[in-house]
Protein backbone atom coordinates (compact mmCIF):
# COMPACT_ATOMS: atom_id res chain seq x y z
CA MET A 1 95.44 135.27 104.65
CA GLU A 2 98.11 137.46 105.16
CA ILE A 3 100.26 138.61 102.87
CA SER A 4 104.04 140.13 103.53
CA ILE A 5 105.32 143.01 101.48
CA ILE A 6 109.05 143.41 100.73
CA GLY A 7 111.20 144.53 98.02
CA LEU A 8 114.39 146.49 97.79
CA PRO A 9 115.55 150.22 98.89
CA GLY A 10 113.33 152.39 96.56
CA SER A 11 111.37 150.13 95.29
CA GLY A 12 108.57 151.90 96.30
CA LYS A 13 107.06 148.88 98.63
CA THR A 14 105.66 151.05 100.91
CA THR A 15 104.05 152.84 98.46
CA VAL A 16 102.05 149.60 96.88
CA PHE A 17 101.44 148.82 100.35
CA ASP A 18 99.72 152.31 100.87
CA ALA A 19 97.44 151.59 97.71
CA LEU A 20 96.24 148.28 98.80
CA THR A 21 95.20 149.37 102.19
CA LYS A 22 93.51 153.08 101.28
CA CYS A 23 96.49 154.08 103.35
CA SER A 24 95.01 152.87 106.04
CA ALA A 25 98.56 151.69 108.46
CA GLU A 26 99.57 154.02 111.05
CA PRO A 27 102.10 156.89 110.24
CA ARG A 28 105.54 155.94 110.39
CA PRO A 29 107.46 157.68 112.56
CA HIS A 30 110.64 159.75 111.29
CA GLY A 31 113.94 157.90 112.32
CA GLY A 32 114.34 155.67 115.17
CA ALA A 33 116.23 152.45 114.47
CA GLY A 34 115.65 149.06 114.13
CA LEU A 35 112.49 146.37 112.32
CA THR A 36 108.77 147.89 112.48
CA LEU A 37 105.84 146.21 111.05
CA PHE A 38 103.04 147.75 109.96
CA PRO A 39 99.99 145.38 109.50
CA ALA A 40 96.78 146.42 107.40
CA VAL A 41 92.84 144.67 106.78
CA ALA A 42 92.04 145.19 103.50
CA LYS A 43 88.61 144.37 102.70
CA VAL A 44 87.86 142.03 99.66
CA PRO A 45 85.14 143.58 97.23
CA ASP A 46 83.15 140.58 95.98
CA ALA A 47 79.68 141.92 94.22
CA ARG A 48 78.20 138.31 95.23
CA VAL A 49 78.49 139.39 98.72
CA LEU A 50 76.57 142.85 98.31
CA LYS A 51 73.86 141.58 96.38
CA LEU A 52 73.20 138.97 98.37
CA SER A 53 72.98 141.59 101.22
CA ALA A 54 70.72 143.55 99.20
CA ILE A 55 68.02 140.54 99.22
CA PHE A 56 68.20 139.54 102.75
CA HIS A 57 68.64 142.52 104.14
CA PRO A 58 71.05 141.82 106.95
CA LYS A 59 71.81 143.31 110.52
CA LYS A 60 75.72 142.99 109.30
CA THR A 61 77.40 142.45 106.03
CA THR A 62 80.73 141.34 106.32
CA LEU A 63 83.10 140.72 103.24
CA ALA A 64 86.35 138.37 103.78
CA GLU A 65 89.81 140.69 104.81
CA ILE A 66 93.69 139.76 103.64
CA LYS A 67 96.15 141.62 106.00
CA TYR A 68 98.92 143.28 104.21
CA VAL A 69 101.93 143.41 106.52
CA ASP A 70 105.23 146.42 105.83
CA TYR A 71 108.08 146.81 107.29
CA ALA A 72 109.86 149.93 108.19
CA GLY A 73 113.78 149.66 109.24
CA LEU A 74 114.74 146.59 107.02
CA PRO A 75 118.79 145.20 108.03
CA LYS A 76 121.35 147.29 106.30
CA GLY A 77 122.38 144.02 105.21
CA PHE A 78 118.98 143.42 103.23
CA GLY A 79 119.40 143.04 99.33
CA ARG A 80 123.51 142.36 100.00
CA GLU A 81 122.98 138.27 99.98
CA GLN A 82 122.41 138.60 104.01
CA GLY A 83 119.41 136.69 104.35
CA VAL A 84 116.80 137.40 106.90
CA SER A 85 117.01 136.28 110.10
CA GLY A 86 115.31 137.61 113.64
CA GLN A 87 111.74 139.49 114.09
CA PHE A 88 111.85 140.00 110.21
CA LEU A 89 112.18 136.33 108.98
CA ASN A 90 109.35 135.01 111.81
CA SER A 91 107.45 137.63 110.65
CA LEU A 92 107.68 136.51 106.85
CA SER A 93 107.41 132.28 107.98
CA THR A 94 103.98 133.67 109.56
CA SER A 95 102.48 134.65 106.07
CA ASP A 96 100.84 132.89 103.51
CA ALA A 97 102.28 134.51 100.80
CA ILE A 98 105.06 137.01 100.34
CA LEU A 99 104.38 140.27 97.62
CA GLN A 100 107.27 141.36 95.93
CA VAL A 101 107.71 144.91 94.49
CA VAL A 102 109.90 145.27 92.28
CA ARG A 103 111.21 148.72 90.70
CA ALA A 104 110.89 149.77 87.09
CA PHE A 105 110.19 153.14 87.34
CA LYS A 106 112.74 155.73 86.75
CA ASP A 107 112.48 158.73 88.86
CA GLU A 108 116.33 160.68 89.25
CA ASN A 109 114.88 161.49 92.82
CA ILE A 110 115.25 158.28 93.90
CA PRO A 111 118.89 156.47 93.22
CA HIS A 112 118.51 152.43 92.79
CA ALA A 113 120.97 151.22 95.68
CA ASP A 114 123.05 150.15 92.27
CA GLY A 115 123.18 153.09 89.90
CA ARG A 116 120.60 151.32 87.26
CA ILE A 117 116.86 150.09 87.21
CA ASP A 118 116.91 146.52 86.20
CA PRO A 119 114.33 144.08 87.40
CA LEU A 120 114.88 140.73 86.54
CA LYS A 121 118.50 141.52 88.58
CA ASP A 122 115.95 142.74 91.70
CA ILE A 123 114.48 139.89 91.53
CA GLU A 124 117.22 137.23 91.03
CA THR A 125 118.54 139.40 93.99
CA LEU A 126 115.53 138.91 96.29
CA ASP A 127 115.44 135.32 95.42
CA MET A 128 118.64 135.14 96.84
CA GLU A 129 117.92 136.82 100.41
CA LEU A 130 115.27 134.50 100.82
CA VAL A 131 117.09 130.99 99.84
CA PHE A 132 120.17 131.96 102.47
CA SER A 133 117.72 132.53 105.20
CA ASP A 134 115.90 128.85 104.10
CA LEU A 135 120.18 127.53 103.85
CA THR A 136 120.14 128.94 107.41
CA ILE A 137 117.19 127.44 108.64
CA LEU A 138 118.27 124.09 107.16
CA GLU A 139 121.86 124.12 108.06
CA LYS A 140 120.79 124.10 112.07
CA ARG A 141 117.89 121.15 111.62
CA LEU A 142 120.48 119.67 110.12
CA GLY A 143 123.39 120.19 112.74
CA ARG A 144 119.95 119.06 115.42
CA LEU A 145 119.55 115.72 113.44
CA GLU A 146 123.27 115.01 113.35
CA SER A 147 123.73 115.11 117.38
CA ALA A 148 120.31 113.56 117.45
CA LEU A 149 121.12 111.04 115.39
CA LYS A 150 124.78 109.84 117.78
CA MET A 151 122.65 110.45 121.23
CA GLY A 152 118.94 109.36 120.25
CA LYS A 153 116.89 106.39 120.59
CA SER A 154 116.70 103.45 118.23
CA SER A 155 113.20 103.50 117.89
CA GLU A 156 113.37 107.78 116.27
CA ARG A 157 116.54 107.36 114.35
CA ASP A 158 114.51 106.45 111.34
CA ALA A 159 112.35 109.01 111.20
CA ALA A 160 115.49 111.05 111.80
CA VAL A 161 117.63 109.34 109.13
CA LYS A 162 114.74 110.11 106.66
CA GLU A 163 114.30 113.35 107.34
CA GLN A 164 117.88 114.05 107.20
CA ALA A 165 117.88 112.63 103.33
CA LEU A 166 115.27 114.99 102.84
CA LEU A 167 116.98 118.15 103.65
CA VAL A 168 120.15 117.40 102.60
CA LYS A 169 118.77 116.77 99.35
CA ILE A 170 116.67 120.08 99.70
CA LYS A 171 119.89 121.83 100.47
CA ALA A 172 121.82 120.67 97.70
CA SER A 173 119.63 122.51 94.97
CA LEU A 174 119.46 125.05 97.44
CA ASP A 175 123.36 125.82 97.70
CA GLN A 176 123.04 126.11 93.23
CA GLY A 177 120.39 128.81 94.38
CA ILE A 178 117.11 126.88 93.39
CA PRO A 179 114.05 128.00 95.18
CA ILE A 180 112.45 124.94 97.17
CA ARG A 181 109.40 125.66 94.61
CA LEU A 182 111.58 124.15 91.75
CA HIS A 183 112.48 121.27 93.60
CA LYS A 184 109.80 118.76 92.13
CA LEU A 185 108.87 117.43 95.81
CA ALA A 186 106.22 114.93 96.44
CA ALA A 187 103.45 115.34 98.55
CA ASP A 188 104.82 113.28 101.36
CA GLU A 189 107.90 115.08 101.23
CA LEU A 190 105.95 118.88 101.24
CA ARG A 191 103.62 117.90 104.27
CA ALA A 192 107.61 117.03 105.90
CA ILE A 193 108.98 120.52 105.59
CA SER A 194 105.77 122.16 106.25
CA ASN A 195 106.76 123.21 109.67
CA TYR A 196 109.59 124.70 108.58
CA GLN A 197 107.84 127.53 106.49
CA PHE A 198 110.62 127.80 104.20
CA LEU A 199 110.28 131.59 102.80
CA THR A 200 111.21 129.83 99.19
CA ALA A 201 108.49 127.13 99.06
CA LYS A 202 106.34 129.92 99.74
CA PRO A 203 103.53 131.17 96.52
CA MET A 204 105.11 134.52 95.42
CA LEU A 205 103.24 137.58 94.15
CA ILE A 206 106.18 139.96 92.17
CA VAL A 207 104.49 143.45 91.18
CA ILE A 208 106.75 145.23 88.87
CA ASN A 209 105.85 148.97 89.58
CA ILE A 210 106.48 151.35 86.79
CA GLY A 211 105.82 154.88 85.88
CA GLU A 212 102.89 156.82 84.68
CA LYS A 213 104.35 157.49 81.63
CA GLN A 214 105.12 153.57 81.64
CA LEU A 215 101.70 152.69 81.17
CA PRO A 216 100.78 152.52 77.64
CA GLU A 217 104.15 149.59 78.11
CA ALA A 218 102.87 147.93 80.61
CA GLU A 219 101.98 145.03 78.59
CA SER A 220 105.51 144.51 77.03
CA ILE A 221 107.14 145.53 80.30
CA LEU A 222 105.11 142.74 81.47
CA GLY A 223 105.09 140.25 79.07
CA THR A 224 109.29 140.63 78.91
CA LEU A 225 109.76 139.87 82.50
CA LYS A 226 107.59 136.87 82.39
CA ALA A 227 109.16 134.94 79.40
CA ALA A 228 112.61 135.86 81.20
CA TYR A 229 111.42 134.63 84.53
CA SER A 230 108.58 132.23 85.17
CA MET A 231 108.29 129.34 87.87
CA PRO A 232 105.38 127.06 89.67
CA GLN A 233 103.41 129.13 92.11
CA VAL A 234 104.81 132.66 91.27
CA GLU A 235 102.77 135.17 89.49
CA LEU A 236 103.78 138.72 88.25
CA ILE A 237 101.72 141.20 87.55
CA SER A 238 102.47 145.31 86.76
CA MET A 239 101.12 148.21 88.58
CA CYS A 240 101.98 151.84 89.08
CA GLY A 241 101.93 152.22 92.99
CA LYS A 242 102.52 155.90 92.91
CA LEU A 243 99.36 156.46 90.28
CA GLU A 244 97.36 153.67 92.63
CA ARG A 245 98.22 155.41 95.93
CA GLU A 246 96.79 158.15 94.58
CA LEU A 247 93.51 157.13 93.53
CA ALA A 248 92.73 155.28 96.75
CA GLN A 249 92.94 158.45 98.68
CA LEU A 250 89.35 159.29 95.95
CA GLN A 251 85.70 158.28 96.28
CA ASP A 252 85.38 155.17 94.79
CA ASP A 253 83.53 156.60 91.54
CA GLU A 254 85.76 159.34 91.78
CA ALA A 255 88.39 157.21 91.08
CA GLU A 256 86.54 154.55 88.78
CA GLU A 257 86.15 157.90 86.18
CA PHE A 258 89.92 158.60 86.42
CA ARG A 259 90.90 155.19 85.58
CA LYS A 260 88.71 154.81 82.39
CA ASP A 261 89.79 158.29 81.36
CA ILE A 262 93.31 156.60 81.17
CA GLY A 263 92.38 152.82 80.41
CA LEU A 264 93.21 150.92 82.97
CA LYS A 265 90.12 148.24 82.91
CA GLU A 266 90.83 147.13 86.46
CA THR A 267 92.01 148.62 89.69
CA ALA A 268 95.61 147.27 90.78
CA PHE A 269 94.18 146.17 94.92
CA ALA A 270 91.61 143.65 92.33
CA ALA A 271 94.40 142.57 90.91
CA VAL A 272 96.60 141.52 93.45
CA ILE A 273 93.36 139.86 95.35
CA ARG A 274 92.39 137.89 92.05
CA HIS A 275 96.07 136.63 92.29
CA SER A 276 97.06 136.51 95.51
CA TYR A 277 93.74 133.69 95.57
CA SER A 278 94.63 131.69 92.70
CA LEU A 279 98.59 131.51 94.22
CA LEU A 280 96.79 130.42 97.05
CA GLY A 281 93.93 127.87 95.66
CA LEU A 282 91.67 129.83 97.74
CA ILE A 283 87.81 129.82 97.27
CA SER A 284 84.88 132.46 98.69
CA PHE A 285 81.84 130.81 100.39
CA PHE A 286 78.86 131.99 101.73
CA THR A 287 76.66 132.21 104.98
CA VAL A 288 73.39 134.26 104.93
CA GLY A 289 70.71 135.25 107.23
CA GLU A 290 68.60 137.92 108.75
CA ASP A 291 71.78 138.00 111.09
CA GLU A 292 74.53 138.41 109.01
CA VAL A 293 75.72 138.10 105.67
CA LYS A 294 79.23 136.88 105.68
CA ALA A 295 82.11 135.30 103.53
CA TRP A 296 84.11 133.21 104.42
CA THR A 297 88.35 131.72 102.79
CA VAL A 298 89.03 128.26 102.09
CA LYS A 299 90.80 126.26 100.31
CA GLU A 300 89.54 124.79 96.95
CA ASP A 301 88.58 121.17 97.76
CA THR A 302 88.05 121.51 101.68
CA PRO A 303 85.34 119.10 102.82
CA ALA A 304 82.58 120.93 104.34
CA ILE A 305 83.12 119.87 107.74
CA GLN A 306 86.04 121.40 107.95
CA ALA A 307 84.44 124.64 106.46
CA ALA A 308 82.02 124.40 109.27
CA GLY A 309 84.81 124.55 111.36
CA LYS A 310 86.03 127.64 109.68
CA ILE A 311 82.60 129.37 111.48
CA HIS A 312 82.91 127.69 114.67
CA THR A 313 84.79 124.16 116.00
CA ASP A 314 81.15 123.53 117.66
CA ILE A 315 79.92 123.59 114.08
CA GLU A 316 82.36 121.10 112.79
CA ARG A 317 81.97 118.67 115.96
CA GLY A 318 78.39 118.22 115.91
CA PHE A 319 77.94 118.52 112.15
CA ILE A 320 75.18 116.44 110.45
CA ARG A 321 75.08 117.61 106.94
CA ALA A 322 75.13 121.08 104.79
CA GLU A 323 72.37 122.20 102.85
CA VAL A 324 74.09 124.01 99.68
CA MET A 325 73.07 126.32 96.87
CA GLY A 326 75.28 127.69 94.16
CA TYR A 327 75.11 131.63 94.24
CA GLU A 328 74.12 131.64 90.90
CA ASP A 329 71.07 128.92 91.23
CA PHE A 330 70.18 131.27 94.23
CA ILE A 331 69.74 134.50 92.06
CA LYS A 332 68.62 132.93 89.12
CA SER A 333 65.94 131.46 91.36
CA GLY A 334 64.77 134.23 93.19
CA SER A 335 64.67 132.71 96.63
CA THR A 336 66.08 129.57 99.02
CA ALA A 337 61.86 128.59 98.83
CA GLU A 338 62.44 128.40 94.72
CA ALA A 339 65.95 127.14 94.82
CA ARG A 340 64.71 124.14 97.19
CA LYS A 341 61.61 123.57 95.02
CA HIS A 342 63.66 123.09 91.69
CA GLY A 343 65.73 120.71 93.51
CA LEU A 344 69.02 123.64 93.42
CA LEU A 345 68.95 123.27 96.93
CA ARG A 346 71.21 120.07 97.78
CA LEU A 347 72.12 117.85 100.83
CA GLU A 348 75.78 117.29 101.32
CA GLY A 349 77.41 115.33 103.91
CA LYS A 350 81.31 115.97 105.72
CA THR A 351 83.08 114.89 102.50
CA TYR A 352 81.69 117.33 99.91
CA ALA A 353 83.97 119.47 98.48
CA VAL A 354 82.51 123.24 99.01
CA ARG A 355 82.76 125.34 96.02
CA ASP A 356 84.02 128.60 94.79
CA GLY A 357 80.43 130.78 95.38
CA ASP A 358 78.14 127.80 97.82
CA ILE A 359 76.16 129.60 99.89
CA ILE A 360 75.77 126.87 102.87
CA HIS A 361 73.45 126.32 105.99
CA PHE A 362 75.23 124.21 108.68
CA LEU A 363 72.98 121.71 110.44
CA PHE A 364 74.72 120.20 113.48
CA ASN A 365 74.09 119.38 116.97
CA VAL A 366 76.02 119.31 119.91
């Protein structure tokens, strides 16, 4: 899973990025020109993986990973209805989701570009940047389609006319500032535009970046914004980026103790992961053994044969069946043998929809 982090100047997006990645990205050089990408990989904490590892004592334990991408040297016009283009657009387009950092904190040393703190206005501003980018992509494609219809073969005409009609419909809504995720497109229409990687069609997690003094009113701030801004495939959460960045540099037990002292129930890192998985419809299944215990990330309802391909294409190609048991069933049974004895280990075929927490052993022949 790859998540791109965007935000207006002064929003604290890099602070949030550092908090989520425990400052693991390479140091940013001072000065310089042009856009620079800063990727960092974060391990997805999962107590189930650690529990399985304690039982099997494997040579290797592998958690799932999330790749976050931060950007330095954003285009000067970003946030001024200039849209997204070039390398910035290419990177955002390949991301699975967008994390938008929105400023709610007050700090006289960090002036807001517009001279006021207005989270809802900033969300709308960033929305329009993404809308303009989608419009640019769409208009270029419509131009090519128009040329193709004039010169193309009759056998290709029907498909081109159908695509043109769909894009014209989408453009009409984008012209009104309506993101694609609100267009209520049919499943076949969504498939037809999937290759375009439109930014306003991507799931988006909005992080409201509050100040430390605002922590007692975090729920109220978030509730007000959720009431004013709600749409499919979008989630809003709040965090104090500055505080979370500081805590990310402490030992885990020290950070946990500090959170308890100030009444924080969950790490911002865990909250972001939980909401990201939910937005993208992702689940985890596990493979276990003496060599390795590993978490694998797939979409909900992924067929067993496709989940096998996640591990290796040979397993998918030679798939015979899958031996499956639920994590909770395994823990209650205490061992694979006991789970099998009580009928909790099942044999499933290619079309079995993998569930979150499944422990799977794939049988294959190539």
